[in-house]
């Protein structure tokens, strides 16, 4: 099957490409390289020992998207391309809505022009906002609390309306929690441009000396060790979840579905720190600082729906998440 991946050189997309290539699919990567490197394409080829097509382009270019879909005889699309830093979205909401919503509409128009109606959308657990109950299932109220989360939620709503208007569409929204780690080869992993916002790349930067220390926001939560709890999931489990979603799409008669991707259990910040220290053999320099406004005490997924319908579940544990991130960091820290 020929699969078009937007944001194809990004963190989760590149790992998903490997999962799909391993299953024998052809992948065509599309990216503007605003937060990734073209070197990722070569690394994907090296790991998979397969040819991979790459098109440099932006989501705003509907003509290029349509041309690429038509000329490559695309059968399915996985839409990753989006800006994703929560803090930046608060500071620059127009930028986020322009890219994440308008860019998505451009893609959907190109798909419609070419009668390609099979889509997996890379959504986020941020659409749920503050947890009203735990674990969070797909019926949890939707109440995104920042522009990034709202951009994901708006695109989900657009897709739901699209599926309602034309039952021939087959659309899945995957709401994943906290993807971390790297491919076992160490050749691809999470390496954002600029200052990282997520816990694992920050810890990696501390270990290699790019940052002095890790700031842990809050130590007085009502958790076992006082630090906040999140559902961390290995990026290769997320990648395999996308492969499972494509398989489901090829068989279902439903126009629109959404699934959580997570482990179904939470880990605290200090548990992550301890696992990193165990895997690296190094002590991590960290300090406790005040809580951040809007940070939830706990957030983790109910993944029973994905297990039932996608026949998927996360397989890799916390040690594998941290170990793979360390291996990637050691190979790429320079």
C-alpha atoms as a PDB file:
ATOM      1  CA  UNK A   1       0.000   0.000   0.000  1.00  0.00           C
ATOM      2  CA  UNK A   2       1.200   3.527  -0.810  1.00  0.00           C
ATOM      3  CA  UNK A   3       1.013   5.769   2.234  1.00  0.00           C
ATOM      4  CA  UNK A   4       1.556   9.533   2.312  1.00  0.00           C
ATOM      5  CA  UNK A   5       2.989  10.865   5.601  1.00  0.00           C
ATOM      6  CA  UNK A   6       2.861  14.597   6.308  1.00  0.00           C
ATOM      7  CA  UNK A   7       5.469  15.879   8.736  1.00  0.00           C
ATOM      8  CA  UNK A   8       7.282  12.756   7.619  1.00  0.00           C
ATOM      9  CA  UNK A   9      10.742  13.577   8.998  1.00  0.00           C
ATOM     10  CA  UNK A  10       9.392  14.466  12.433  1.00  0.00           C
ATOM     11  CA  UNK A  11       9.809  12.466  15.617  1.00  0.00           C
ATOM     12  CA  UNK A  12       6.743  10.209  15.651  1.00  0.00           C
ATOM     13  CA  UNK A  13       6.304  10.190  11.871  1.00  0.00           C
ATOM     14  CA  UNK A  14       9.802   8.863  11.188  1.00  0.00           C
ATOM     15  CA  UNK A  15       9.305   5.968  13.607  1.00  0.00           C
ATOM     16  CA  UNK A  16       5.893   5.252  12.081  1.00  0.00           C
ATOM     17  CA  UNK A  17       7.492   5.161   8.632  1.00  0.00           C
ATOM     18  CA  UNK A  18       9.815   2.404   9.876  1.00  0.00           C
ATOM     19  CA  UNK A  19       6.907   0.414  11.277  1.00  0.00           C
ATOM     20  CA  UNK A  20       5.072   0.673   7.941  1.00  0.00           C
ATOM     21  CA  UNK A  21       8.145  -0.195   5.878  1.00  0.00           C
ATOM     22  CA  UNK A  22       8.657  -3.258   8.042  1.00  0.00           C
ATOM     23  CA  UNK A  23       5.145  -4.372   7.074  1.00  0.00           C
ATOM     24  CA  UNK A  24       5.929  -3.982   3.369  1.00  0.00           C
ATOM     25  CA  UNK A  25       4.191  -0.675   2.659  1.00  0.00           C
ATOM     26  CA  UNK A  26       5.584   2.088   0.435  1.00  0.00           C
ATOM     27  CA  UNK A  27       5.887   5.451   2.192  1.00  0.00           C
ATOM     28  CA  UNK A  28       6.180   8.949   0.763  1.00  0.00           C
ATOM     29  CA  UNK A  29       7.383  11.544   3.259  1.00  0.00           C
ATOM     30  CA  UNK A  30       6.340  15.208   3.044  1.00  0.00           C
ATOM     31  CA  UNK A  31       7.852  17.879   5.303  1.00  0.00           C
ATOM     32  CA  UNK A  32       8.951  21.532   5.346  1.00  0.00           C
ATOM     33  CA  UNK A  33      11.847  20.686   7.730  1.00  0.00           C
ATOM     34  CA  UNK A  34      10.853  23.483  10.130  1.00  0.00           C
ATOM     35  CA  UNK A  35      11.482  21.240  13.144  1.00  0.00           C
ATOM     36  CA  UNK A  36      13.394  18.282  11.708  1.00  0.00           C
ATOM     37  CA  UNK A  37      16.283  17.366   9.428  1.00  0.00           C
ATOM     38  CA  UNK A  38      16.460  15.849   5.970  1.00  0.00           C
ATOM     39  CA  UNK A  39      19.139  13.534   7.417  1.00  0.00           C
ATOM     40  CA  UNK A  40      16.244  11.566   8.914  1.00  0.00           C
ATOM     41  CA  UNK A  41      15.338  10.319   5.428  1.00  0.00           C
ATOM     42  CA  UNK A  42      18.773   8.771   5.013  1.00  0.00           C
ATOM     43  CA  UNK A  43      18.589   7.220   8.467  1.00  0.00           C
ATOM     44  CA  UNK A  44      15.215   5.655   7.668  1.00  0.00           C
ATOM     45  CA  UNK A  45      16.710   4.191   4.490  1.00  0.00           C
ATOM     46  CA  UNK A  46      19.708   2.857   6.417  1.00  0.00           C
ATOM     47  CA  UNK A  47      17.599   1.190   9.102  1.00  0.00           C
ATOM     48  CA  UNK A  48      14.978  -0.279   6.767  1.00  0.00           C
ATOM     49  CA  UNK A  49      17.291  -1.002   3.821  1.00  0.00           C
ATOM     50  CA  UNK A  50      14.427   0.241   1.629  1.00  0.00           C
ATOM     51  CA  UNK A  51      13.910   3.191  -0.667  1.00  0.00           C
ATOM     52  CA  UNK A  52      11.896   6.098   0.714  1.00  0.00           C
ATOM     53  CA  UNK A  53      10.570   9.061  -1.246  1.00  0.00           C
ATOM     54  CA  UNK A  54      10.809  12.548   0.252  1.00  0.00           C
ATOM     55  CA  UNK A  55       9.111  15.740  -0.937  1.00  0.00           C
ATOM     56  CA  UNK A  56      10.112  19.099   0.521  1.00  0.00           C
ATOM     57  CA  UNK A  57       6.968  21.187   0.848  1.00  0.00           C
ATOM     58  CA  UNK A  58       4.534  23.005   3.087  1.00  0.00           C
ATOM     59  CA  UNK A  59       0.939  22.126   3.965  1.00  0.00           C
ATOM     60  CA  UNK A  60      -0.197  25.501   2.679  1.00  0.00           C
ATOM     61  CA  UNK A  61       0.741  24.411  -0.866  1.00  0.00           C
ATOM     62  CA  UNK A  62      -2.465  22.600  -1.850  1.00  0.00           C
ATOM     63  CA  UNK A  63      -1.361  22.229  -5.477  1.00  0.00           C
ATOM     64  CA  UNK A  64       1.857  20.459  -4.483  1.00  0.00           C
ATOM     65  CA  UNK A  65      -0.037  18.209  -2.072  1.00  0.00           C
ATOM     66  CA  UNK A  66      -2.569  17.296  -4.764  1.00  0.00           C
ATOM     67  CA  UNK A  67       0.164  16.680  -7.342  1.00  0.00           C
ATOM     68  CA  UNK A  68       2.112  14.464  -4.922  1.00  0.00           C
ATOM     69  CA  UNK A  69      -0.962  12.425  -3.989  1.00  0.00           C
ATOM     70  CA  UNK A  70      -1.937  11.991  -7.646  1.00  0.00           C
ATOM     71  CA  UNK A  71       1.475  11.161  -9.083  1.00  0.00           C
ATOM     72  CA  UNK A  72       2.340   8.691  -6.319  1.00  0.00           C
ATOM     73  CA  UNK A  73      -1.062   6.970  -6.489  1.00  0.00           C
ATOM     74  CA  UNK A  74      -1.520   7.420  -2.744  1.00  0.00           C
ATOM     75  CA  UNK A  75      -4.047   5.128  -1.059  1.00  0.00           C
ATOM     76  CA  UNK A  76      -3.871   6.305   2.568  1.00  0.00           C
ATOM     77  CA  UNK A  77      -2.665   9.406   4.399  1.00  0.00           C
ATOM     78  CA  UNK A  78      -1.223   9.809   7.900  1.00  0.00           C
ATOM     79  CA  UNK A  79      -1.299  13.449   8.938  1.00  0.00           C
ATOM     80  CA  UNK A  80       1.380  14.368  11.486  1.00  0.00           C
ATOM     81  CA  UNK A  81       2.492  17.813  10.325  1.00  0.00           C
ATOM     82  CA  UNK A  82       1.789  20.362  13.068  1.00  0.00           C
ATOM     83  CA  UNK A  83       3.421  22.820  15.405  1.00  0.00           C
ATOM     84  CA  UNK A  84       3.307  21.250  18.876  1.00  0.00           C
ATOM     85  CA  UNK A  85       4.927  23.335  21.629  1.00  0.00           C
ATOM     86  CA  UNK A  86       2.255  24.234  24.186  1.00  0.00           C
ATOM     87  CA  UNK A  87       4.113  27.268  25.535  1.00  0.00           C
ATOM     88  CA  UNK A  88       4.765  28.673  22.087  1.00  0.00           C
ATOM     89  CA  UNK A  89       1.108  28.169  21.164  1.00  0.00           C
ATOM     90  CA  UNK A  90       0.070  30.360  24.096  1.00  0.00           C
ATOM     91  CA  UNK A  91       2.484  33.084  22.959  1.00  0.00           C
ATOM     92  CA  UNK A  92       1.668  32.777  19.238  1.00  0.00           C
ATOM     93  CA  UNK A  93      -1.868  31.388  18.811  1.00  0.00           C
ATOM     94  CA  UNK A  94      -2.375  32.757  15.283  1.00  0.00           C
ATOM     95  CA  UNK A  95       0.730  30.913  14.090  1.00  0.00           C
ATOM     96  CA  UNK A  96      -0.630  27.652  15.527  1.00  0.00           C
ATOM     97  CA  UNK A  97      -4.129  28.018  14.123  1.00  0.00           C
ATOM     98  CA  UNK A  98      -2.747  29.037  10.728  1.00  0.00           C
ATOM     99  CA  UNK A  99      -0.436  26.038  10.467  1.00  0.00           C
ATOM    100  CA  UNK A 100      -2.363  23.334  12.286  1.00  0.00           C
ATOM    101  CA  UNK A 101      -5.896  24.135  11.119  1.00  0.00           C
ATOM    102  CA  UNK A 102      -5.463  25.913   7.781  1.00  0.00           C
ATOM    103  CA  UNK A 103      -2.696  23.504   6.813  1.00  0.00           C
ATOM    104  CA  UNK A 104      -4.935  20.554   7.597  1.00  0.00           C
ATOM    105  CA  UNK A 105      -7.753  21.987   5.473  1.00  0.00           C
ATOM    106  CA  UNK A 106      -5.287  22.317   2.598  1.00  0.00           C
ATOM    107  CA  UNK A 107      -4.394  18.636   2.924  1.00  0.00           C
ATOM    108  CA  UNK A 108      -8.020  17.506   3.132  1.00  0.00           C
ATOM    109  CA  UNK A 109      -8.847  19.520   0.007  1.00  0.00           C
ATOM    110  CA  UNK A 110      -5.986  17.848  -1.873  1.00  0.00           C
ATOM    111  CA  UNK A 111      -7.192  14.436  -0.725  1.00  0.00           C
ATOM    112  CA  UNK A 112     -10.739  15.183  -1.822  1.00  0.00           C
ATOM    113  CA  UNK A 113      -9.558  16.350  -5.247  1.00  0.00           C
ATOM    114  CA  UNK A 114      -7.905  12.960  -5.755  1.00  0.00           C
ATOM    115  CA  UNK A 115     -10.663  10.875  -4.159  1.00  0.00           C
ATOM    116  CA  UNK A 116      -8.300   9.639  -1.433  1.00  0.00           C
ATOM    117  CA  UNK A 117     -10.463   9.314   1.659  1.00  0.00           C
ATOM    118  CA  UNK A 118      -8.510   7.112   4.064  1.00  0.00           C
ATOM    119  CA  UNK A 119      -6.874   9.148   6.827  1.00  0.00           C
ATOM    120  CA  UNK A 120      -5.213   8.694  10.201  1.00  0.00           C
ATOM    121  CA  UNK A 121      -4.919  11.993  12.064  1.00  0.00           C
ATOM    122  CA  UNK A 122      -2.228  12.511  14.672  1.00  0.00           C
ATOM    123  CA  UNK A 123      -4.198  14.054  17.520  1.00  0.00           C
ATOM    124  CA  UNK A 124      -3.291  14.414  21.182  1.00  0.00           C
ATOM    125  CA  UNK A 125      -4.500  13.770  24.709  1.00  0.00           C
ATOM    126  CA  UNK A 126      -4.391  17.556  25.146  1.00  0.00           C
ATOM    127  CA  UNK A 127      -7.908  17.627  23.638  1.00  0.00           C
ATOM    128  CA  UNK A 128      -9.194  16.342  27.015  1.00  0.00           C
ATOM    129  CA  UNK A 129      -7.860  19.261  29.059  1.00  0.00           C
ATOM    130  CA  UNK A 130      -7.887  18.861  32.840  1.00  0.00           C
ATOM    131  CA  UNK A 131      -8.787  15.255  33.758  1.00  0.00           C
ATOM    132  CA  UNK A 132     -12.303  14.944  35.173  1.00  0.00           C
ATOM    133  CA  UNK A 133     -11.696  11.280  36.011  1.00  0.00           C
ATOM    134  CA  UNK A 134      -8.980   8.656  35.597  1.00  0.00           C
ATOM    135  CA  UNK A 135      -8.101   6.757  33.554  1.00  0.00           C
ATOM    136  CA  UNK A 136      -9.158   8.950  30.618  1.00  0.00           C
ATOM    137  CA  UNK A 137     -11.245   7.110  28.032  1.00  0.00           C
ATOM    138  CA  UNK A 138     -12.449   8.335  24.639  1.00  0.00           C
ATOM    139  CA  UNK A 139     -15.766   9.481  26.135  1.00  0.00           C
ATOM    140  CA  UNK A 140     -14.049  11.901  28.509  1.00  0.00           C
ATOM    141  CA  UNK A 141     -15.257  15.512  28.004  1.00  0.00           C
ATOM    142  CA  UNK A 142     -13.209  17.476  25.471  1.00  0.00           C
ATOM    143  CA  UNK A 143     -11.934  20.777  26.845  1.00  0.00           C
ATOM    144  CA  UNK A 144      -8.498  21.737  25.509  1.00  0.00           C
ATOM    145  CA  UNK A 145      -6.918  24.460  27.649  1.00  0.00           C
ATOM    146  CA  UNK A 146      -4.283  25.896  25.280  1.00  0.00           C
ATOM    147  CA  UNK A 147      -4.108  26.896  21.591  1.00  0.00           C
ATOM    148  CA  UNK A 148      -2.124  23.779  20.636  1.00  0.00           C
ATOM    149  CA  UNK A 149      -4.743  21.483  22.153  1.00  0.00           C
ATOM    150  CA  UNK A 150      -7.578  23.534  20.670  1.00  0.00           C
ATOM    151  CA  UNK A 151      -5.995  23.321  17.212  1.00  0.00           C
ATOM    152  CA  UNK A 152      -6.014  19.519  17.484  1.00  0.00           C
ATOM    153  CA  UNK A 153      -9.585  19.527  18.756  1.00  0.00           C
ATOM    154  CA  UNK A 154     -10.769  21.839  15.956  1.00  0.00           C
ATOM    155  CA  UNK A 155      -9.242  19.540  13.332  1.00  0.00           C
ATOM    156  CA  UNK A 156     -10.962  16.549  14.949  1.00  0.00           C
ATOM    157  CA  UNK A 157     -14.270  18.414  14.744  1.00  0.00           C
ATOM    158  CA  UNK A 158     -13.638  19.270  11.084  1.00  0.00           C
ATOM    159  CA  UNK A 159     -12.940  15.616  10.336  1.00  0.00           C
ATOM    160  CA  UNK A 160     -16.071  14.508  12.165  1.00  0.00           C
ATOM    161  CA  UNK A 161     -18.148  16.921  10.047  1.00  0.00           C
ATOM    162  CA  UNK A 162     -16.382  15.711   6.904  1.00  0.00           C
ATOM    163  CA  UNK A 163     -17.145  12.075   7.704  1.00  0.00           C
ATOM    164  CA  UNK A 164     -20.774  12.961   8.457  1.00  0.00           C
ATOM    165  CA  UNK A 165     -21.138  14.760   5.136  1.00  0.00           C
ATOM    166  CA  UNK A 166     -19.615  11.928   3.092  1.00  0.00           C
ATOM    167  CA  UNK A 167     -19.827   8.388   4.477  1.00  0.00           C
ATOM    168  CA  UNK A 168     -17.187   7.146   2.030  1.00  0.00           C
ATOM    169  CA  UNK A 169     -14.444   8.725   4.175  1.00  0.00           C
ATOM    170  CA  UNK A 170     -12.596   6.465   6.608  1.00  0.00           C
ATOM    171  CA  UNK A 171     -10.988   8.569   9.352  1.00  0.00           C
ATOM    172  CA  UNK A 172      -9.248   7.676  12.610  1.00  0.00           C
ATOM    173  CA  UNK A 173      -8.022  10.198  15.172  1.00  0.00           C
ATOM    174  CA  UNK A 174      -5.292   8.842  17.436  1.00  0.00           C
ATOM    175  CA  UNK A 175      -5.039  10.665  20.751  1.00  0.00           C
ATOM    176  CA  UNK A 176      -1.693   9.765  22.214  1.00  0.00           C
ATOM    177  CA  UNK A 177      -0.375  10.711  25.566  1.00  0.00           C
ATOM    178  CA  UNK A 178       3.400  11.170  26.032  1.00  0.00           C
ATOM    179  CA  UNK A 179       5.535   9.500  23.331  1.00  0.00           C
ATOM    180  CA  UNK A 180       9.166   9.077  24.406  1.00  0.00           C
ATOM    181  CA  UNK A 181      12.264   7.050  23.605  1.00  0.00           C
ATOM    182  CA  UNK A 182      13.867   6.220  20.273  1.00  0.00           C
ATOM    183  CA  UNK A 183      14.333   3.487  17.698  1.00  0.00           C
ATOM    184  CA  UNK A 184      16.568   0.669  18.912  1.00  0.00           C
ATOM    185  CA  UNK A 185      19.185   1.529  16.268  1.00  0.00           C
ATOM    186  CA  UNK A 186      19.810   4.905  17.912  1.00  0.00           C
ATOM    187  CA  UNK A 187      19.729   6.537  14.474  1.00  0.00           C
ATOM    188  CA  UNK A 188      16.407   8.327  14.915  1.00  0.00           C
ATOM    189  CA  UNK A 189      14.822   9.789  18.030  1.00  0.00           C
ATOM    190  CA  UNK A 190      13.492  12.967  19.579  1.00  0.00           C
ATOM    191  CA  UNK A 191      15.741  15.889  18.683  1.00  0.00           C
ATOM    192  CA  UNK A 192      13.709  19.100  18.486  1.00  0.00           C
ATOM    193  CA  UNK A 193      15.234  22.264  17.067  1.00  0.00           C
ATOM    194  CA  UNK A 194      15.958  24.921  19.669  1.00  0.00           C
ATOM    195  CA  UNK A 195      15.287  24.562  23.401  1.00  0.00           C
ATOM    196  CA  UNK A 196      13.372  21.336  24.159  1.00  0.00           C
ATOM    197  CA  UNK A 197      10.021  21.459  25.944  1.00  0.00           C
ATOM    198  CA  UNK A 198       9.509  17.787  26.768  1.00  0.00           C
ATOM    199  CA  UNK A 199      10.935  15.887  29.741  1.00  0.00           C
ATOM    200  CA  UNK A 200      13.049  13.270  27.948  1.00  0.00           C
ATOM    201  CA  UNK A 201      14.991  15.614  25.630  1.00  0.00           C
ATOM    202  CA  UNK A 202      15.557  17.968  28.559  1.00  0.00           C
ATOM    203  CA  UNK A 203      17.043  15.116  30.604  1.00  0.00           C
ATOM    204  CA  UNK A 204      19.186  14.104  27.612  1.00  0.00           C
ATOM    205  CA  UNK A 205      20.511  17.662  27.379  1.00  0.00           C
ATOM    206  CA  UNK A 206      21.381  17.610  31.086  1.00  0.00           C
ATOM    207  CA  UNK A 207      23.231  14.306  30.715  1.00  0.00           C
ATOM    208  CA  UNK A 208      25.333  15.575  27.821  1.00  0.00           C
ATOM    209  CA  UNK A 209      26.043  18.931  29.441  1.00  0.00           C
ATOM    210  CA  UNK A 210      23.930  21.182  27.236  1.00  0.00           C
ATOM    211  CA  UNK A 211      21.787  22.095  30.255  1.00  0.00           C
ATOM    212  CA  UNK A 212      22.968  22.476  33.850  1.00  0.00           C
ATOM    213  CA  UNK A 213      20.030  20.780  35.512  1.00  0.00           C
ATOM    214  CA  UNK A 214      16.472  19.543  35.228  1.00  0.00           C
ATOM    215  CA  UNK A 215      13.757  21.658  36.818  1.00  0.00           C
ATOM    216  CA  UNK A 216      10.971  19.536  38.336  1.00  0.00           C
ATOM    217  CA  UNK A 217       7.789  21.570  38.630  1.00  0.00           C
ATOM    218  CA  UNK A 218       6.198  20.767  41.984  1.00  0.00           C
ATOM    219  CA  UNK A 219       6.976  18.248  44.713  1.00  0.00           C
ATOM    220  CA  UNK A 220       3.757  18.548  46.755  1.00  0.00           C
ATOM    221  CA  UNK A 221       1.260  16.756  44.535  1.00  0.00           C
ATOM    222  CA  UNK A 222      -0.908  14.081  46.141  1.00  0.00           C
ATOM    223  CA  UNK A 223       1.132  11.296  44.565  1.00  0.00           C
ATOM    224  CA  UNK A 224       3.451   8.708  46.108  1.00  0.00           C
ATOM    225  CA  UNK A 225       6.575  10.852  45.682  1.00  0.00           C
ATOM    226  CA  UNK A 226       4.951  14.273  45.350  1.00  0.00           C
ATOM    227  CA  UNK A 227       5.718  14.751  41.631  1.00  0.00           C
ATOM    228  CA  UNK A 228       3.250  14.815  38.744  1.00  0.00           C
ATOM    229  CA  UNK A 229       2.267  11.617  36.942  1.00  0.00           C
ATOM    230  CA  UNK A 230       1.943  11.139  33.173  1.00  0.00           C
ATOM    231  CA  UNK A 231       1.347   8.235  30.805  1.00  0.00           C
ATOM    232  CA  UNK A 232       4.655   7.812  28.951  1.00  0.00           C
ATOM    233  CA  UNK A 233       4.633   5.487  25.947  1.00  0.00           C
ATOM    234  CA  UNK A 234       7.528   4.282  23.800  1.00  0.00           C
ATOM    235  CA  UNK A 235       7.501   5.965  20.396  1.00  0.00           C
ATOM    236  CA  UNK A 236       7.767   2.606  18.620  1.00  0.00           C
ATOM    237  CA  UNK A 237       4.581   1.471  20.381  1.00  0.00           C
ATOM    238  CA  UNK A 238       2.924   4.647  19.070  1.00  0.00           C
ATOM    239  CA  UNK A 239       4.292   3.863  15.607  1.00  0.00           C
ATOM    240  CA  UNK A 240       2.873   0.352  15.756  1.00  0.00           C
ATOM    241  CA  UNK A 241      -0.443   1.884  16.838  1.00  0.00           C
ATOM    242  CA  UNK A 242      -0.567   3.802  13.566  1.00  0.00           C
ATOM    243  CA  UNK A 243       0.083   0.602  11.621  1.00  0.00           C
ATOM    244  CA  UNK A 244      -2.757  -1.063  13.532  1.00  0.00           C
ATOM    245  CA  UNK A 245      -5.022   1.909  12.769  1.00  0.00           C
ATOM    246  CA  UNK A 246      -4.330   1.611   9.031  1.00  0.00           C
ATOM    247  CA  UNK A 247      -5.184  -2.073   9.184  1.00  0.00           C
ATOM    248  CA  UNK A 248      -8.437  -1.234  10.972  1.00  0.00           C
ATOM    249  CA  UNK A 249      -9.265   1.416   8.362  1.00  0.00           C
ATOM    250  CA  UNK A 250      -8.946  -1.106   5.541  1.00  0.00           C
ATOM    251  CA  UNK A 251     -11.628  -3.289   7.133  1.00  0.00           C
ATOM    252  CA  UNK A 252     -14.062  -0.995   8.950  1.00  0.00           C
ATOM    253  CA  UNK A 253     -17.336   0.422   7.624  1.00  0.00           C
ATOM    254  CA  UNK A 254     -17.238   3.304  10.128  1.00  0.00           C
ATOM    255  CA  UNK A 255     -16.529   6.778   8.763  1.00  0.00           C
ATOM    256  CA  UNK A 256     -14.993   8.221  11.932  1.00  0.00           C
ATOM    257  CA  UNK A 257     -13.374   6.766  15.027  1.00  0.00           C
ATOM    258  CA  UNK A 258     -10.968   7.901  17.744  1.00  0.00           C
ATOM    259  CA  UNK A 259      -8.603   5.900  19.935  1.00  0.00           C
ATOM    260  CA  UNK A 260      -6.271   6.606  22.842  1.00  0.00           C
ATOM    261  CA  UNK A 261      -2.678   5.423  22.564  1.00  0.00           C
ATOM    262  CA  UNK A 262      -0.929   5.050  25.902  1.00  0.00           C
ATOM    263  CA  UNK A 263       0.229   2.407  28.345  1.00  0.00           C
ATOM    264  CA  UNK A 264      -2.782   2.739  30.618  1.00  0.00           C
ATOM    265  CA  UNK A 265      -0.659   3.602  33.641  1.00  0.00           C
ATOM    266  CA  UNK A 266       1.242   6.635  34.848  1.00  0.00           C
ATOM    267  CA  UNK A 267       4.827   7.267  35.902  1.00  0.00           C
ATOM    268  CA  UNK A 268       5.974  10.168  38.081  1.00  0.00           C
ATOM    269  CA  UNK A 269       8.736  12.579  37.164  1.00  0.00           C
ATOM    270  CA  UNK A 270      10.958  11.114  39.883  1.00  0.00           C
ATOM    271  CA  UNK A 271      10.314   7.601  38.548  1.00  0.00           C
ATOM    272  CA  UNK A 272      11.580   8.806  35.178  1.00  0.00           C
ATOM    273  CA  UNK A 273      14.636  10.348  36.823  1.00  0.00           C
ATOM    274  CA  UNK A 274      15.381   7.106  38.693  1.00  0.00           C
ATOM    275  CA  UNK A 275      14.965   5.010  35.533  1.00  0.00           C
ATOM    276  CA  UNK A 276      17.299   7.341  33.641  1.00  0.00           C
ATOM    277  CA  UNK A 277      19.912   7.068  36.365  1.00  0.00           C
ATOM    278  CA  UNK A 278      19.627   3.265  36.387  1.00  0.00           C
ATOM    279  CA  UNK A 279      19.972   3.024  32.611  1.00  0.00           C
ATOM    280  CA  UNK A 280      22.741   5.619  32.225  1.00  0.00           C
ATOM    281  CA  UNK A 281      24.744   4.872  35.360  1.00  0.00           C
ATOM    282  CA  UNK A 282      24.915   8.625  36.012  1.00  0.00           C
ATOM    283  CA  UNK A 283      23.392  10.847  38.675  1.00  0.00           C
ATOM    284  CA  UNK A 284      21.069  13.450  37.231  1.00  0.00           C
ATOM    285  CA  UNK A 285      21.335  17.036  38.451  1.00  0.00           C
ATOM    286  CA  UNK A 286      17.841  18.351  39.206  1.00  0.00           C
ATOM    287  CA  UNK A 287      16.030  20.862  41.391  1.00  0.00           C
ATOM    288  CA  UNK A 288      12.452  21.302  42.543  1.00  0.00           C
ATOM    289  CA  UNK A 289      10.726  24.516  41.537  1.00  0.00           C
ATOM    290  CA  UNK A 290       7.172  25.828  41.864  1.00  0.00           C
ATOM    291  CA  UNK A 291       4.326  24.131  40.067  1.00  0.00           C
ATOM    292  CA  UNK A 292       3.424  25.420  36.618  1.00  0.00           C
ATOM    293  CA  UNK A 293      -0.077  26.881  36.192  1.00  0.00           C
ATOM    294  CA  UNK A 294      -2.359  24.444  34.402  1.00  0.00           C
ATOM    295  CA  UNK A 295      -0.308  21.303  35.063  1.00  0.00           C
ATOM    296  CA  UNK A 296      -2.525  18.380  36.030  1.00  0.00           C
ATOM    297  CA  UNK A 297      -1.543  16.252  39.014  1.00  0.00           C
ATOM    298  CA  UNK A 298      -2.132  12.978  37.158  1.00  0.00           C
ATOM    299  CA  UNK A 299      -3.006  12.060  33.584  1.00  0.00           C
ATOM    300  CA  UNK A 300      -3.099   8.572  32.097  1.00  0.00           C
ATOM    301  CA  UNK A 301      -5.126   6.718  29.517  1.00  0.00           C
ATOM    302  CA  UNK A 302      -7.747   4.038  29.324  1.00  0.00           C
ATOM    303  CA  UNK A 303      -6.558   2.097  26.262  1.00  0.00           C
ATOM    304  CA  UNK A 304      -9.127  -0.711  26.318  1.00  0.00           C
ATOM    305  CA  UNK A 305     -10.813   0.554  23.145  1.00  0.00           C
ATOM    306  CA  UNK A 306      -7.580   0.401  21.130  1.00  0.00           C
ATOM    307  CA  UNK A 307      -6.849  -3.037  22.547  1.00  0.00           C
ATOM    308  CA  UNK A 308     -10.293  -4.312  21.559  1.00  0.00           C
ATOM    309  CA  UNK A 309     -10.658  -2.812  18.077  1.00  0.00           C
ATOM    310  CA  UNK A 310      -7.108  -2.182  16.864  1.00  0.00           C
ATOM    311  CA  UNK A 311      -5.742  -5.383  18.452  1.00  0.00           C
ATOM    312  CA  UNK A 312      -2.915  -3.211  19.785  1.00  0.00           C
ATOM    313  CA  UNK A 313      -1.272  -2.589  23.132  1.00  0.00           C
ATOM    314  CA  UNK A 314       1.951  -0.990  24.321  1.00  0.00           C
ATOM    315  CA  UNK A 315       4.713  -3.571  24.801  1.00  0.00           C
ATOM    316  CA  UNK A 316       7.790  -1.617  25.923  1.00  0.00           C
ATOM    317  CA  UNK A 317       8.450  -0.697  29.555  1.00  0.00           C
ATOM    318  CA  UNK A 318       9.886   2.393  31.235  1.00  0.00           C
ATOM    319  CA  UNK A 319      13.424   0.992  31.254  1.00  0.00           C
ATOM    320  CA  UNK A 320      13.270   0.449  27.484  1.00  0.00           C
ATOM    321  CA  UNK A 321      11.931   3.967  26.976  1.00  0.00           C
ATOM    322  CA  UNK A 322      14.791   5.531  28.946  1.00  0.00           C
ATOM    323  CA  UNK A 323      17.449   3.153  27.619  1.00  0.00           C
ATOM    324  CA  UNK A 324      16.562   3.831  23.994  1.00  0.00           C
ATOM    325  CA  UNK A 325      16.537   7.605  24.599  1.00  0.00           C
ATOM    326  CA  UNK A 326      19.987   7.382  26.200  1.00  0.00           C
ATOM    327  CA  UNK A 327      21.347   5.286  23.305  1.00  0.00           C
ATOM    328  CA  UNK A 328      20.053   7.859  20.807  1.00  0.00           C
ATOM    329  CA  UNK A 329      21.484  10.704  22.870  1.00  0.00           C
ATOM    330  CA  UNK A 330      24.914   9.047  23.091  1.00  0.00           C
ATOM    331  CA  UNK A 331      25.081   8.609  19.312  1.00  0.00           C
ATOM    332  CA  UNK A 332      23.839  12.096  18.478  1.00  0.00           C
ATOM    333  CA  UNK A 333      24.921  14.400  21.327  1.00  0.00           C
ATOM    334  CA  UNK A 334      27.468  16.187  19.138  1.00  0.00           C
END
